[in-house]
């Protein structure tokens, strides 16, 4: 099992930001690289190398059957799916779907709490629907 632990709360600096220029609500890998470069004051090339190393390490660990724990963030692990009989959506014909392993992310307690705190703050700040403010 790969485990990463930090002494500080690593997610405390996260705040909701404006929607990105591309797709609202979606951060691309390129945008993640830009954010890493900005926050750590590196070149985009250096930030891209770091992001790729992190992603490759996660994939390699999962490939070898290891679980990855990022304390305060969450964990990545493999789940097994049994073989089953499915249907071709175009023809309705029965198709055998083999068993397989799929990657699964389980968010950590701190991440869940942070997300819910941000959503609660956004809900409290928004005016009620269809009503007038008094």
C-alpha atoms as a PDB file:
ATOM      1  CA  UNK A   1       0.000   0.000   0.000  1.00  0.00           C
ATOM      2  CA  UNK A   2       1.279   3.437  -0.922  1.00  0.00           C
ATOM      3  CA  UNK A   3       0.508   6.021   1.737  1.00  0.00           C
ATOM      4  CA  UNK A   4       1.113   9.751   1.654  1.00  0.00           C
ATOM      5  CA  UNK A   5       0.644  11.767   4.810  1.00  0.00           C
ATOM      6  CA  UNK A   6       1.133  15.444   5.480  1.00  0.00           C
ATOM      7  CA  UNK A   7       1.412  17.237   8.773  1.00  0.00           C
ATOM      8  CA  UNK A   8      -0.775  20.157   7.726  1.00  0.00           C
ATOM      9  CA  UNK A   9      -4.358  19.929   6.527  1.00  0.00           C
ATOM     10  CA  UNK A  10      -3.568  19.837   2.790  1.00  0.00           C
ATOM     11  CA  UNK A  11      -6.992  20.950   1.603  1.00  0.00           C
ATOM     12  CA  UNK A  12      -7.435  24.068   3.759  1.00  0.00           C
ATOM     13  CA  UNK A  13      -6.291  26.386   0.977  1.00  0.00           C
ATOM     14  CA  UNK A  14      -8.974  25.244  -1.474  1.00  0.00           C
ATOM     15  CA  UNK A  15     -11.703  27.764  -2.202  1.00  0.00           C
ATOM     16  CA  UNK A  16     -14.408  27.682  -4.869  1.00  0.00           C
ATOM     17  CA  UNK A  17     -13.188  29.507  -7.942  1.00  0.00           C
ATOM     18  CA  UNK A  18     -14.761  30.940 -11.044  1.00  0.00           C
ATOM     19  CA  UNK A  19     -15.796  28.515 -13.765  1.00  0.00           C
ATOM     20  CA  UNK A  20     -12.966  27.770 -16.151  1.00  0.00           C
ATOM     21  CA  UNK A  21     -12.938  29.231 -19.640  1.00  0.00           C
ATOM     22  CA  UNK A  22     -13.398  25.825 -21.302  1.00  0.00           C
ATOM     23  CA  UNK A  23     -16.149  23.766 -19.662  1.00  0.00           C
ATOM     24  CA  UNK A  24     -17.866  24.913 -16.496  1.00  0.00           C
ATOM     25  CA  UNK A  25     -17.371  22.385 -13.714  1.00  0.00           C
ATOM     26  CA  UNK A  26     -14.603  20.415 -15.471  1.00  0.00           C
ATOM     27  CA  UNK A  27     -10.869  20.768 -14.850  1.00  0.00           C
ATOM     28  CA  UNK A  28      -8.710  19.323 -17.610  1.00  0.00           C
ATOM     29  CA  UNK A  29      -5.219  17.937 -17.153  1.00  0.00           C
ATOM     30  CA  UNK A  30      -3.821  21.036 -18.890  1.00  0.00           C
ATOM     31  CA  UNK A  31      -5.666  23.278 -16.403  1.00  0.00           C
ATOM     32  CA  UNK A  32      -4.327  21.174 -13.516  1.00  0.00           C
ATOM     33  CA  UNK A  33      -0.800  21.620 -14.876  1.00  0.00           C
ATOM     34  CA  UNK A  34      -1.397  25.391 -15.149  1.00  0.00           C
ATOM     35  CA  UNK A  35      -2.632  25.495 -11.539  1.00  0.00           C
ATOM     36  CA  UNK A  36       0.355  23.521 -10.230  1.00  0.00           C
ATOM     37  CA  UNK A  37       2.724  25.789 -12.163  1.00  0.00           C
ATOM     38  CA  UNK A  38       1.032  28.898 -10.756  1.00  0.00           C
ATOM     39  CA  UNK A  39       0.837  27.757  -7.120  1.00  0.00           C
ATOM     40  CA  UNK A  40       4.359  26.320  -6.908  1.00  0.00           C
ATOM     41  CA  UNK A  41       5.854  28.927  -9.265  1.00  0.00           C
ATOM     42  CA  UNK A  42       7.313  26.439 -11.745  1.00  0.00           C
ATOM     43  CA  UNK A  43       7.380  26.394 -15.521  1.00  0.00           C
ATOM     44  CA  UNK A  44       4.497  24.620 -17.229  1.00  0.00           C
ATOM     45  CA  UNK A  45       6.930  21.956 -18.429  1.00  0.00           C
ATOM     46  CA  UNK A  46       8.137  21.272 -14.863  1.00  0.00           C
ATOM     47  CA  UNK A  47       4.559  21.204 -13.554  1.00  0.00           C
ATOM     48  CA  UNK A  48       3.518  18.843 -16.361  1.00  0.00           C
ATOM     49  CA  UNK A  49       6.364  16.483 -15.427  1.00  0.00           C
ATOM     50  CA  UNK A  50       5.219  16.468 -11.794  1.00  0.00           C
ATOM     51  CA  UNK A  51       1.558  15.828 -12.695  1.00  0.00           C
ATOM     52  CA  UNK A  52       2.572  13.015 -15.073  1.00  0.00           C
ATOM     53  CA  UNK A  53       4.777  11.404 -12.412  1.00  0.00           C
ATOM     54  CA  UNK A  54       1.903  11.471  -9.895  1.00  0.00           C
ATOM     55  CA  UNK A  55      -0.575   9.987 -12.392  1.00  0.00           C
ATOM     56  CA  UNK A  56       1.924   7.342 -13.572  1.00  0.00           C
ATOM     57  CA  UNK A  57       2.709   6.382  -9.966  1.00  0.00           C
ATOM     58  CA  UNK A  58      -0.989   5.906  -9.203  1.00  0.00           C
ATOM     59  CA  UNK A  59      -1.504   3.786 -12.332  1.00  0.00           C
ATOM     60  CA  UNK A  60       1.621   1.685 -11.686  1.00  0.00           C
ATOM     61  CA  UNK A  61       0.586   1.056  -8.074  1.00  0.00           C
ATOM     62  CA  UNK A  62      -2.924   0.017  -9.080  1.00  0.00           C
ATOM     63  CA  UNK A  63      -1.508  -2.210 -11.847  1.00  0.00           C
ATOM     64  CA  UNK A  64       0.592  -4.033  -9.258  1.00  0.00           C
ATOM     65  CA  UNK A  65      -2.448  -4.471  -6.994  1.00  0.00           C
ATOM     66  CA  UNK A  66      -1.523  -1.832  -4.416  1.00  0.00           C
ATOM     67  CA  UNK A  67      -3.942   0.535  -2.720  1.00  0.00           C
ATOM     68  CA  UNK A  68      -2.990   4.224  -2.692  1.00  0.00           C
ATOM     69  CA  UNK A  69      -3.915   6.297   0.367  1.00  0.00           C
ATOM     70  CA  UNK A  70      -3.639  10.083   0.271  1.00  0.00           C
ATOM     71  CA  UNK A  71      -4.483  11.066   3.841  1.00  0.00           C
ATOM     72  CA  UNK A  72      -7.046  13.840   4.015  1.00  0.00           C
ATOM     73  CA  UNK A  73      -7.897  13.387   0.328  1.00  0.00           C
ATOM     74  CA  UNK A  74      -8.931   9.790  -0.329  1.00  0.00           C
ATOM     75  CA  UNK A  75      -7.783   6.432  -1.595  1.00  0.00           C
ATOM     76  CA  UNK A  76      -7.548   4.624  -4.900  1.00  0.00           C
ATOM     77  CA  UNK A  77      -8.087   0.878  -5.059  1.00  0.00           C
ATOM     78  CA  UNK A  78      -9.184  -1.846  -7.426  1.00  0.00           C
ATOM     79  CA  UNK A  79     -12.616  -3.449  -7.378  1.00  0.00           C
ATOM     80  CA  UNK A  80     -13.485  -6.708  -9.062  1.00  0.00           C
ATOM     81  CA  UNK A  81     -16.529  -7.026 -11.290  1.00  0.00           C
ATOM     82  CA  UNK A  82     -17.912 -10.490 -11.940  1.00  0.00           C
ATOM     83  CA  UNK A  83     -18.640 -11.705 -15.438  1.00  0.00           C
ATOM     84  CA  UNK A  84     -22.232 -11.155 -16.508  1.00  0.00           C
ATOM     85  CA  UNK A  85     -24.614 -11.291 -19.421  1.00  0.00           C
ATOM     86  CA  UNK A  86     -25.266  -7.888 -20.947  1.00  0.00           C
ATOM     87  CA  UNK A  87     -27.235  -6.658 -23.935  1.00  0.00           C
ATOM     88  CA  UNK A  88     -26.123  -4.889 -27.077  1.00  0.00           C
ATOM     89  CA  UNK A  89     -28.117  -1.623 -26.956  1.00  0.00           C
ATOM     90  CA  UNK A  90     -28.492  -1.474 -30.754  1.00  0.00           C
ATOM     91  CA  UNK A  91     -29.663  -5.026 -31.406  1.00  0.00           C
ATOM     92  CA  UNK A  92     -30.837  -6.216 -27.985  1.00  0.00           C
ATOM     93  CA  UNK A  93     -28.678  -9.314 -28.503  1.00  0.00           C
ATOM     94  CA  UNK A  94     -27.224 -10.961 -25.373  1.00  0.00           C
ATOM     95  CA  UNK A  95     -23.474 -10.479 -24.920  1.00  0.00           C
ATOM     96  CA  UNK A  96     -21.135 -12.071 -22.384  1.00  0.00           C
ATOM     97  CA  UNK A  97     -19.212  -9.413 -20.439  1.00  0.00           C
ATOM     98  CA  UNK A  98     -16.029 -10.869 -18.892  1.00  0.00           C
ATOM     99  CA  UNK A  99     -14.945 -10.273 -15.291  1.00  0.00           C
ATOM    100  CA  UNK A 100     -12.577  -7.369 -14.829  1.00  0.00           C
ATOM    101  CA  UNK A 101     -10.944  -5.080 -12.312  1.00  0.00           C
ATOM    102  CA  UNK A 102     -11.810  -1.391 -12.242  1.00  0.00           C
ATOM    103  CA  UNK A 103     -10.125   1.515 -10.431  1.00  0.00           C
ATOM    104  CA  UNK A 104     -12.203   3.075  -7.670  1.00  0.00           C
ATOM    105  CA  UNK A 105     -11.701   6.321  -5.748  1.00  0.00           C
ATOM    106  CA  UNK A 106     -13.021   6.631  -2.210  1.00  0.00           C
ATOM    107  CA  UNK A 107     -12.958  10.219  -0.915  1.00  0.00           C
ATOM    108  CA  UNK A 108     -11.489  10.798   2.533  1.00  0.00           C
ATOM    109  CA  UNK A 109     -13.357  12.271   5.487  1.00  0.00           C
ATOM    110  CA  UNK A 110     -11.584  15.656   5.260  1.00  0.00           C
ATOM    111  CA  UNK A 111     -12.358  16.004   1.537  1.00  0.00           C
ATOM    112  CA  UNK A 112     -16.028  15.153   2.080  1.00  0.00           C
ATOM    113  CA  UNK A 113     -16.302  17.644   4.941  1.00  0.00           C
ATOM    114  CA  UNK A 114     -14.585  20.381   2.913  1.00  0.00           C
ATOM    115  CA  UNK A 115     -16.864  19.838  -0.099  1.00  0.00           C
ATOM    116  CA  UNK A 116     -19.985  19.856   2.056  1.00  0.00           C
ATOM    117  CA  UNK A 117     -18.827  23.005   3.905  1.00  0.00           C
ATOM    118  CA  UNK A 118     -18.307  24.797   0.564  1.00  0.00           C
ATOM    119  CA  UNK A 119     -21.725  23.644  -0.710  1.00  0.00           C
ATOM    120  CA  UNK A 120     -23.444  24.729   2.515  1.00  0.00           C
ATOM    121  CA  UNK A 121     -21.789  28.167   2.296  1.00  0.00           C
ATOM    122  CA  UNK A 122     -22.870  28.545  -1.336  1.00  0.00           C
ATOM    123  CA  UNK A 123     -26.438  27.509  -0.462  1.00  0.00           C
ATOM    124  CA  UNK A 124     -26.592  29.924   2.476  1.00  0.00           C
ATOM    125  CA  UNK A 125     -25.283  32.813   0.341  1.00  0.00           C
ATOM    126  CA  UNK A 126     -27.735  32.202  -2.528  1.00  0.00           C
ATOM    127  CA  UNK A 127     -31.108  33.979  -2.361  1.00  0.00           C
ATOM    128  CA  UNK A 128     -34.166  31.699  -2.086  1.00  0.00           C
ATOM    129  CA  UNK A 129     -35.593  30.526  -5.404  1.00  0.00           C
ATOM    130  CA  UNK A 130     -38.461  32.510  -6.809  1.00  0.00           C
ATOM    131  CA  UNK A 131     -38.769  34.582  -3.658  1.00  0.00           C
ATOM    132  CA  UNK A 132     -37.967  38.144  -2.853  1.00  0.00           C
ATOM    133  CA  UNK A 133     -35.341  39.060  -0.324  1.00  0.00           C
ATOM    134  CA  UNK A 134     -36.813  40.737   2.726  1.00  0.00           C
END
